[in-house]
C-alpha cells in the first residue's frame, strides 16, 4: 500500500514531480486530500469522511467512483449496505 498525503501539494504538477506514478500499477494507493491530484488518475474510488452530529460524534462515509474500474465494486457495496447478497 502506498499512502500519499496531498494536503501540502500545490497541485498536479508538484504531485507528478514526486515520481510516484511508477508504483501505481503494483500497489493500492491511498491519497488523502485526493481532490488536489484527482486529474492524475483515470479511474479512482473517492471516499469522503464527514464529521456530523452533536459534537461531531457521527462519521458519514460517501463513496463515489470515477471511470469504469470501480463501477462493479460500487454495485457490490450498494447491495451489501442494503443487506442483499452481492
Protein backbone atom coordinates (compact mmCIF):
# COMPACT_ATOMS: atom_id res chain seq x y z
CA UNK A 1 0.00 0.00 0.00
CA UNK A 2 1.25 3.45 -0.93
CA UNK A 3 -0.05 6.30 1.24
CA UNK A 4 0.26 9.86 -0.08
CA UNK A 5 -0.90 12.92 1.84
CA UNK A 6 -1.51 15.58 -0.81
CA UNK A 7 -2.57 18.26 1.67
CA UNK A 8 0.51 20.44 1.20
CA UNK A 9 0.87 19.91 -2.55
CA UNK A 10 0.19 22.90 -4.76
CA UNK A 11 -1.40 20.77 -7.48
CA UNK A 12 -0.99 18.02 -10.04
CA UNK A 13 2.37 19.26 -11.38
CA UNK A 14 4.01 19.06 -7.96
CA UNK A 15 2.46 15.61 -7.47
CA UNK A 16 3.95 14.39 -10.79
CA UNK A 17 7.37 15.69 -9.72
CA UNK A 18 7.32 13.31 -6.74
CA UNK A 19 7.60 10.35 -9.13
CA UNK A 20 5.08 8.02 -7.52
CA UNK A 21 3.47 7.04 -10.84
CA UNK A 22 5.96 4.18 -11.27
CA UNK A 23 4.37 2.41 -8.29
CA UNK A 24 0.67 2.72 -9.14
CA UNK A 25 0.40 -0.46 -11.24
CA UNK A 26 1.79 -2.63 -8.43
CA UNK A 27 0.19 -1.25 -5.26
CA UNK A 28 -3.02 0.07 -3.76
CA UNK A 29 -2.61 3.82 -3.50
CA UNK A 30 -4.42 5.83 -0.84
CA UNK A 31 -4.33 9.60 -1.38
CA UNK A 32 -5.50 11.86 1.41
CA UNK A 33 -6.78 15.20 0.10
CA UNK A 34 -7.06 13.42 -3.24
CA UNK A 35 -9.11 16.10 -4.96
CA UNK A 36 -5.89 18.08 -5.30
CA UNK A 37 -4.44 15.43 -7.62
CA UNK A 38 -7.55 13.62 -8.90
CA UNK A 39 -6.88 14.65 -12.51
CA UNK A 40 -3.82 12.39 -12.47
CA UNK A 41 -5.97 9.26 -12.23
CA UNK A 42 -8.32 7.98 -14.95
CA UNK A 43 -10.11 5.58 -12.58
CA UNK A 44 -10.42 6.04 -8.85
CA UNK A 45 -12.63 5.42 -5.88
CA UNK A 46 -13.27 8.51 -3.77
CA UNK A 47 -14.21 8.10 -0.12
CA UNK A 48 -15.23 11.26 1.73
CA UNK A 49 -15.35 11.24 5.52
CA UNK A 50 -17.59 13.84 7.15
CA UNK A 51 -17.99 14.53 10.84
CA UNK A 52 -21.61 15.26 11.75
CA UNK A 53 -23.99 15.08 14.66
CA UNK A 54 -23.69 16.65 18.06
CA UNK A 55 -20.07 17.46 18.82
CA UNK A 56 -19.04 15.80 15.55
CA UNK A 57 -19.55 12.34 17.01
CA UNK A 58 -21.07 10.76 13.88
CA UNK A 59 -18.98 9.81 10.84
CA UNK A 60 -20.56 9.66 7.40
CA UNK A 61 -18.72 7.94 4.56
CA UNK A 62 -19.63 8.83 0.98
CA UNK A 63 -18.33 6.64 -1.83
CA UNK A 64 -18.09 7.73 -5.47
CA UNK A 65 -16.24 6.28 -8.43
CA UNK A 66 -14.72 7.88 -11.50
CA UNK A 67 -14.06 5.78 -14.58
CA UNK A 68 -15.14 2.21 -15.24
CA UNK A 69 -12.75 0.34 -12.97
CA UNK A 70 -14.72 0.81 -9.74
CA UNK A 71 -18.31 0.63 -11.02
CA UNK A 72 -18.72 -3.14 -10.36
CA UNK A 73 -17.38 -2.73 -6.83
CA UNK A 74 -19.82 0.12 -6.21
CA UNK A 75 -22.73 -2.15 -7.18
CA UNK A 76 -21.46 -4.78 -4.74
CA UNK A 77 -21.07 -2.18 -1.99
CA UNK A 78 -24.60 -0.87 -2.52
CA UNK A 79 -26.00 -4.42 -2.37
CA UNK A 80 -24.17 -5.19 0.87
CA UNK A 81 -25.28 -1.95 2.51
CA UNK A 82 -28.88 -2.79 1.53
CA UNK A 83 -28.47 -6.25 3.06
CA UNK A 84 -28.65 -8.13 -0.22
CA UNK A 85 -26.16 -10.78 -1.34
CA UNK A 86 -23.51 -9.28 -3.62
